[in-house]
Amino acid sequence: MIQSSTRLPALRPEESAPPVVIESALVPWVDLCPAYETVVYTIDRRQRGLIEVYEGWRMSDVLNDDPRVLLSRVAVMPHAGGLPGRAQEVSLPRDSVYLAHLGGPRGDREMVRTTVRTPIGLKAGPYLVRGYHHTLPGAQSMSVWPREREMVPLTDAWIEYPMRTRRVRVSVDAVAVNRLLVDWVTLAPYDVFHPAR
């Protein structure tokens, strides 16, 4: 082994190099990308957790943008009952997600458009859903539905699903429905919606 006898001179205190400051756009990540609570429904369970929503986006935008749904601080609740499971993080393929509660910001206010609310009912796997589908004025919900993005938002909705030996109904302000997993969809009356089971 060859050793060098050359030594670099030590810097005096006044010559010491200034500290290097690295600026990164990811430093204020918590502020730029806050997390909001949601409940995600797969074929046989609900998973409650947090989902990050980018600045200027809506939760439905995040769900449609990524083929996977990433949740943190998750409680897993099987429909068959039993104690909830816990996980720090869960990554689900979007094509396994039937429904997801929508929360958080409504997106860029400058992009908000006037819409018409149409009451619809649908069945997706074990879930019955009733809510309002929003379309642009002049558009018909049933003609627009096949061209919607994969996760379609409904407002003022309820979700009905089996829990052990009974059925449970939950009201939500907004829910995203996976259009590709819907068995049927129909226009619904404004009062009470009783779908065929």
C-alpha atoms as a PDB file:
ATOM      1  CA  MET A   1       0.000   0.000   0.000  1.00  0.00           C
ATOM      2  CA  ILE A   2       1.322   3.444  -0.966  1.00  0.00           C
ATOM      3  CA  GLN A   3       0.950   6.146   1.646  1.00  0.00           C
ATOM      4  CA  SER A   4       1.227   9.820   0.840  1.00  0.00           C
ATOM      5  CA  SER A   5       3.210  12.034   3.135  1.00  0.00           C
ATOM      6  CA  THR A   6       1.631  15.183   1.710  1.00  0.00           C
ATOM      7  CA  ARG A   7      -0.700  16.891   4.164  1.00  0.00           C
ATOM      8  CA  LEU A   8      -3.109  19.682   3.382  1.00  0.00           C
ATOM      9  CA  PRO A   9      -2.743  22.748   5.569  1.00  0.00           C
ATOM     10  CA  ALA A  10      -5.438  23.118   8.213  1.00  0.00           C
ATOM     11  CA  LEU A  11      -7.792  26.072   7.872  1.00  0.00           C
ATOM     12  CA  ARG A  12      -7.622  28.724  10.539  1.00  0.00           C
ATOM     13  CA  PRO A  13     -10.956  29.505  12.280  1.00  0.00           C
ATOM     14  CA  GLU A  14     -11.471  32.670  10.225  1.00  0.00           C
ATOM     15  CA  GLU A  15     -10.933  30.652   7.023  1.00  0.00           C
ATOM     16  CA  SER A  16     -13.383  27.888   7.835  1.00  0.00           C
ATOM     17  CA  ALA A  17     -15.854  27.199   5.077  1.00  0.00           C
ATOM     18  CA  PRO A  18     -19.408  28.540   5.575  1.00  0.00           C
ATOM     19  CA  PRO A  19     -22.094  25.955   6.209  1.00  0.00           C
ATOM     20  CA  VAL A  20     -23.812  24.658   3.102  1.00  0.00           C
ATOM     21  CA  VAL A  21     -27.529  25.434   2.993  1.00  0.00           C
ATOM     22  CA  ILE A  22     -29.562  23.171   0.753  1.00  0.00           C
ATOM     23  CA  GLU A  23     -32.963  24.515  -0.173  1.00  0.00           C
ATOM     24  CA  SER A  24     -35.547  21.995  -1.262  1.00  0.00           C
ATOM     25  CA  ALA A  25     -39.098  22.374  -2.430  1.00  0.00           C
ATOM     26  CA  LEU A  26     -39.904  19.294  -0.347  1.00  0.00           C
ATOM     27  CA  VAL A  27     -39.008  20.887   2.990  1.00  0.00           C
ATOM     28  CA  PRO A  28     -42.515  22.332   3.614  1.00  0.00           C
ATOM     29  CA  TRP A  29     -44.101  19.035   2.510  1.00  0.00           C
ATOM     30  CA  VAL A  30     -46.624  19.032   5.357  1.00  0.00           C
ATOM     31  CA  ASP A  31     -47.896  22.460   4.334  1.00  0.00           C
ATOM     32  CA  LEU A  32     -47.912  21.733   0.603  1.00  0.00           C
ATOM     33  CA  CYS A  33     -49.504  18.314   0.877  1.00  0.00           C
ATOM     34  CA  PRO A  34     -51.846  18.051   3.870  1.00  0.00           C
ATOM     35  CA  ALA A  35     -53.569  14.742   4.580  1.00  0.00           C
ATOM     36  CA  TYR A  36     -57.316  14.314   4.981  1.00  0.00           C
ATOM     37  CA  GLU A  37     -59.338  11.462   6.405  1.00  0.00           C
ATOM     38  CA  THR A  38     -61.154   9.085   4.093  1.00  0.00           C
ATOM     39  CA  VAL A  39     -62.802   5.677   4.210  1.00  0.00           C
ATOM     40  CA  VAL A  40     -61.991   3.348   1.312  1.00  0.00           C
ATOM     41  CA  TYR A  41     -64.292   0.401   0.529  1.00  0.00           C
ATOM     42  CA  THR A  42     -62.938  -2.779  -1.036  1.00  0.00           C
ATOM     43  CA  ILE A  43     -64.898  -5.981  -1.659  1.00  0.00           C
ATOM     44  CA  ASP A  44     -65.055  -7.143   1.971  1.00  0.00           C
ATOM     45  CA  ARG A  45     -63.764  -4.345   4.195  1.00  0.00           C
ATOM     46  CA  ARG A  46     -63.494  -0.650   4.955  1.00  0.00           C
ATOM     47  CA  GLN A  47     -60.159   1.023   5.504  1.00  0.00           C
ATOM     48  CA  ARG A  48     -60.101   4.351   7.317  1.00  0.00           C
ATOM     49  CA  GLY A  49     -56.968   6.431   6.928  1.00  0.00           C
ATOM     50  CA  LEU A  50     -55.339   9.606   5.692  1.00  0.00           C
ATOM     51  CA  ILE A  51     -54.695  10.505   2.065  1.00  0.00           C
ATOM     52  CA  GLU A  52     -52.437  13.347   0.927  1.00  0.00           C
ATOM     53  CA  VAL A  53     -54.011  15.982  -1.316  1.00  0.00           C
ATOM     54  CA  TYR A  54     -51.785  18.253  -3.368  1.00  0.00           C
ATOM     55  CA  GLU A  55     -52.215  22.019  -3.225  1.00  0.00           C
ATOM     56  CA  GLY A  56     -54.989  23.142  -5.573  1.00  0.00           C
ATOM     57  CA  TRP A  57     -56.271  19.579  -6.004  1.00  0.00           C
ATOM     58  CA  ARG A  58     -59.352  17.768  -4.761  1.00  0.00           C
ATOM     59  CA  MET A  59     -59.275  14.313  -3.223  1.00  0.00           C
ATOM     60  CA  SER A  60     -61.104  12.973  -6.295  1.00  0.00           C
ATOM     61  CA  ASP A  61     -58.268  14.364  -8.465  1.00  0.00           C
ATOM     62  CA  VAL A  62     -55.707  12.444  -6.401  1.00  0.00           C
ATOM     63  CA  LEU A  63     -57.746   9.228  -6.652  1.00  0.00           C
ATOM     64  CA  ASN A  64     -57.997   9.573 -10.435  1.00  0.00           C
ATOM     65  CA  ASP A  65     -54.364  10.570 -10.949  1.00  0.00           C
ATOM     66  CA  ASP A  66     -52.670   7.531  -9.409  1.00  0.00           C
ATOM     67  CA  PRO A  67     -53.472   3.864 -10.174  1.00  0.00           C
ATOM     68  CA  ARG A  68     -52.787   3.123  -6.487  1.00  0.00           C
ATOM     69  CA  VAL A  69     -54.517   4.553  -3.418  1.00  0.00           C
ATOM     70  CA  LEU A  70     -52.000   5.271  -0.667  1.00  0.00           C
ATOM     71  CA  LEU A  71     -53.361   5.561   2.883  1.00  0.00           C
ATOM     72  CA  SER A  72     -51.482   6.260   6.100  1.00  0.00           C
ATOM     73  CA  ARG A  73     -52.420   5.581   9.754  1.00  0.00           C
ATOM     74  CA  VAL A  74     -54.947   2.984   8.655  1.00  0.00           C
ATOM     75  CA  ALA A  75     -57.658   1.131  10.573  1.00  0.00           C
ATOM     76  CA  VAL A  76     -58.877  -1.946   8.666  1.00  0.00           C
ATOM     77  CA  MET A  77     -62.485  -2.921   9.415  1.00  0.00           C
ATOM     78  CA  PRO A  78     -63.715  -6.213   7.903  1.00  0.00           C
ATOM     79  CA  HIS A  79     -67.435  -6.397   7.073  1.00  0.00           C
ATOM     80  CA  ALA A  80     -67.534  -9.819   8.700  1.00  0.00           C
ATOM     81  CA  GLY A  81     -66.828  -8.136  12.046  1.00  0.00           C
ATOM     82  CA  GLY A  82     -64.057  -8.590  14.562  1.00  0.00           C
ATOM     83  CA  LEU A  83     -61.486  -6.157  15.861  1.00  0.00           C
ATOM     84  CA  PRO A  84     -60.065  -3.605  13.426  1.00  0.00           C
ATOM     85  CA  GLY A  85     -56.551  -4.177  12.189  1.00  0.00           C
ATOM     86  CA  ARG A  86     -53.939  -1.409  12.182  1.00  0.00           C
ATOM     87  CA  ALA A  87     -51.299  -0.418   9.650  1.00  0.00           C
ATOM     88  CA  GLN A  88     -49.001   2.571   9.321  1.00  0.00           C
ATOM     89  CA  GLU A  89     -49.420   2.576   5.550  1.00  0.00           C
ATOM     90  CA  VAL A  90     -51.542   0.715   3.011  1.00  0.00           C
ATOM     91  CA  SER A  91     -51.244   0.824  -0.781  1.00  0.00           C
ATOM     92  CA  LEU A  92     -54.295  -0.416  -2.688  1.00  0.00           C
ATOM     93  CA  PRO A  93     -54.706  -0.894  -6.434  1.00  0.00           C
ATOM     94  CA  ARG A  94     -57.369   1.586  -7.533  1.00  0.00           C
ATOM     95  CA  ASP A  95     -59.162  -1.155  -9.462  1.00  0.00           C
ATOM     96  CA  SER A  96     -59.862  -2.885  -6.108  1.00  0.00           C
ATOM     97  CA  VAL A  97     -61.475   0.234  -4.596  1.00  0.00           C
ATOM     98  CA  TYR A  98     -65.249   0.436  -5.005  1.00  0.00           C
ATOM     99  CA  LEU A  99     -65.873   3.655  -3.072  1.00  0.00           C
ATOM    100  CA  ALA A 100     -64.008   6.325  -1.127  1.00  0.00           C
ATOM    101  CA  HIS A 101     -65.353   9.081   1.100  1.00  0.00           C
ATOM    102  CA  LEU A 102     -64.290  12.492  -0.205  1.00  0.00           C
ATOM    103  CA  GLY A 103     -63.074  15.240   2.112  1.00  0.00           C
ATOM    104  CA  GLY A 104     -60.634  18.088   2.133  1.00  0.00           C
ATOM    105  CA  PRO A 105     -60.535  21.121  -0.172  1.00  0.00           C
ATOM    106  CA  ARG A 106     -62.837  21.621  -3.146  1.00  0.00           C
ATOM    107  CA  GLY A 107     -59.929  22.485  -5.458  1.00  0.00           C
ATOM    108  CA  ASP A 108     -58.991  25.693  -7.253  1.00  0.00           C
ATOM    109  CA  ARG A 109     -61.870  28.152  -6.858  1.00  0.00           C
ATOM    110  CA  GLU A 110     -61.097  29.732 -10.218  1.00  0.00           C
ATOM    111  CA  MET A 111     -61.822  26.374 -11.865  1.00  0.00           C
ATOM    112  CA  VAL A 112     -65.239  25.928 -10.203  1.00  0.00           C
ATOM    113  CA  ARG A 113     -68.035  25.650 -12.751  1.00  0.00           C
ATOM    114  CA  THR A 114     -71.801  25.730 -12.388  1.00  0.00           C
ATOM    115  CA  THR A 115     -73.240  22.223 -12.496  1.00  0.00           C
ATOM    116  CA  VAL A 116     -76.628  20.540 -12.479  1.00  0.00           C
ATOM    117  CA  ARG A 117     -77.300  17.899  -9.804  1.00  0.00           C
ATOM    118  CA  THR A 118     -79.035  14.703 -10.906  1.00  0.00           C
ATOM    119  CA  PRO A 119     -80.086  12.080  -8.347  1.00  0.00           C
ATOM    120  CA  ILE A 120     -78.809   8.622  -9.284  1.00  0.00           C
ATOM    121  CA  GLY A 121     -78.659   5.207  -7.685  1.00  0.00           C
ATOM    122  CA  LEU A 122     -76.186   2.442  -8.380  1.00  0.00           C
ATOM    123  CA  LYS A 123     -74.870  -0.919  -7.263  1.00  0.00           C
ATOM    124  CA  ALA A 124     -71.143  -1.672  -7.111  1.00  0.00           C
ATOM    125  CA  GLY A 125     -70.302  -5.111  -5.765  1.00  0.00           C
ATOM    126  CA  PRO A 126     -71.879  -5.413  -2.304  1.00  0.00           C
ATOM    127  CA  TYR A 127     -72.561  -1.661  -2.119  1.00  0.00           C
ATOM    128  CA  LEU A 128     -75.740   0.254  -2.908  1.00  0.00           C
ATOM    129  CA  VAL A 129     -75.205   3.990  -3.346  1.00  0.00           C
ATOM    130  CA  ARG A 130     -77.560   6.892  -3.836  1.00  0.00           C
ATOM    131  CA  GLY A 131     -76.347  10.449  -4.429  1.00  0.00           C
ATOM    132  CA  TYR A 132     -76.184  13.423  -6.751  1.00  0.00           C
ATOM    133  CA  HIS A 133     -74.152  13.271  -9.952  1.00  0.00           C
ATOM    134  CA  HIS A 134     -72.941  16.692 -11.144  1.00  0.00           C
ATOM    135  CA  THR A 135     -72.896  17.538 -14.844  1.00  0.00           C
ATOM    136  CA  LEU A 136     -72.537  20.688 -16.904  1.00  0.00           C
ATOM    137  CA  PRO A 137     -75.820  22.399 -17.834  1.00  0.00           C
ATOM    138  CA  GLY A 138     -77.446  20.668 -20.796  1.00  0.00           C
ATOM    139  CA  ALA A 139     -75.673  17.338 -20.240  1.00  0.00           C
ATOM    140  CA  GLN A 140     -77.560  14.197 -19.223  1.00  0.00           C
ATOM    141  CA  SER A 141     -76.120  12.083 -16.410  1.00  0.00           C
ATOM    142  CA  MET A 142     -76.744   8.773 -18.143  1.00  0.00           C
ATOM    143  CA  SER A 143     -75.042   9.895 -21.351  1.00  0.00           C
ATOM    144  CA  VAL A 144     -72.083  11.472 -19.496  1.00  0.00           C
ATOM    145  CA  TRP A 145     -71.554   8.561 -17.083  1.00  0.00           C
ATOM    146  CA  PRO A 146     -69.670   6.229 -19.491  1.00  0.00           C
ATOM    147  CA  ARG A 147     -67.189   9.034 -20.298  1.00  0.00           C
ATOM    148  CA  GLU A 148     -66.460  10.029 -16.702  1.00  0.00           C
ATOM    149  CA  ARG A 149     -63.068   9.495 -15.094  1.00  0.00           C
ATOM    150  CA  GLU A 150     -62.642   6.236 -13.182  1.00  0.00           C
ATOM    151  CA  MET A 151     -63.535   7.657  -9.750  1.00  0.00           C
ATOM    152  CA  VAL A 152     -66.799   9.600 -10.116  1.00  0.00           C
ATOM    153  CA  PRO A 153     -67.825  11.947  -7.282  1.00  0.00           C
ATOM    154  CA  LEU A 154     -71.372  11.970  -5.904  1.00  0.00           C
ATOM    155  CA  THR A 155     -72.600  14.412  -3.264  1.00  0.00           C
ATOM    156  CA  ASP A 156     -75.174  14.169  -0.454  1.00  0.00           C
ATOM    157  CA  ALA A 157     -74.936  10.401  -0.731  1.00  0.00           C
ATOM    158  CA  TRP A 158     -75.658   7.321   1.279  1.00  0.00           C
ATOM    159  CA  ILE A 159     -73.922   3.959   1.112  1.00  0.00           C
ATOM    160  CA  GLU A 160     -75.536   0.671   2.118  1.00  0.00           C
ATOM    161  CA  TYR A 161     -73.529  -2.496   2.650  1.00  0.00           C
ATOM    162  CA  PRO A 162     -73.675  -5.834   4.517  1.00  0.00           C
ATOM    163  CA  MET A 163     -72.241  -6.001   8.019  1.00  0.00           C
ATOM    164  CA  ARG A 164     -72.351  -9.480   9.552  1.00  0.00           C
ATOM    165  CA  THR A 165     -76.045 -10.479   9.375  1.00  0.00           C
ATOM    166  CA  ARG A 166     -77.529  -7.034   8.713  1.00  0.00           C
ATOM    167  CA  ARG A 167     -77.185  -4.130   6.307  1.00  0.00           C
ATOM    168  CA  VAL A 168     -75.736  -0.777   7.370  1.00  0.00           C
ATOM    169  CA  ARG A 169     -76.470   2.589   5.786  1.00  0.00           C
ATOM    170  CA  VAL A 170     -74.010   5.489   6.092  1.00  0.00           C
ATOM    171  CA  SER A 171     -74.625   9.083   4.980  1.00  0.00           C
ATOM    172  CA  VAL A 172     -71.681  11.021   3.546  1.00  0.00           C
ATOM    173  CA  ASP A 173     -71.230  14.532   2.161  1.00  0.00           C
ATOM    174  CA  ALA A 174     -69.409  13.167  -0.882  1.00  0.00           C
ATOM    175  CA  VAL A 175     -68.195   9.813  -2.164  1.00  0.00           C
ATOM    176  CA  ALA A 176     -66.139   8.739  -5.167  1.00  0.00           C
ATOM    177  CA  VAL A 177     -67.488   5.681  -6.980  1.00  0.00           C
ATOM    178  CA  ASN A 178     -65.276   3.482  -9.145  1.00  0.00           C
ATOM    179  CA  ARG A 179     -67.206   3.616 -12.412  1.00  0.00           C
ATOM    180  CA  LEU A 180     -65.454   0.496 -13.731  1.00  0.00           C
ATOM    181  CA  LEU A 181     -66.794  -1.597 -10.825  1.00  0.00           C
ATOM    182  CA  VAL A 182     -70.424  -0.441 -11.084  1.00  0.00           C
ATOM    183  CA  ASP A 183     -72.917  -3.240 -11.849  1.00  0.00           C
ATOM    184  CA  TRP A 184     -75.738  -0.896 -12.743  1.00  0.00           C
ATOM    185  CA  VAL A 185     -76.650   2.783 -12.496  1.00  0.00           C
ATOM    186  CA  THR A 186     -80.029   4.451 -12.869  1.00  0.00           C
ATOM    187  CA  LEU A 187     -81.775   7.762 -12.352  1.00  0.00           C
ATOM    188  CA  ALA A 188     -83.315   7.915  -8.896  1.00  0.00           C
ATOM    189  CA  PRO A 189     -86.237   9.851  -7.412  1.00  0.00           C
ATOM    190  CA  TYR A 190     -85.500  12.755  -5.103  1.00  0.00           C
ATOM    191  CA  ASP A 191     -87.246  11.244  -2.088  1.00  0.00           C
ATOM    192  CA  VAL A 192     -86.502   7.653  -1.110  1.00  0.00           C
ATOM    193  CA  PHE A 193     -84.529   5.311  -3.326  1.00  0.00           C
ATOM    194  CA  HIS A 194     -85.355   1.593  -2.990  1.00  0.00           C
ATOM    195  CA  PRO A 195     -83.255  -0.314  -5.527  1.00  0.00           C
ATOM    196  CA  ALA A 196     -83.883  -3.881  -6.586  1.00  0.00           C
ATOM    197  CA  ARG A 197     -81.443  -6.170  -4.785  1.00  0.00           C
END
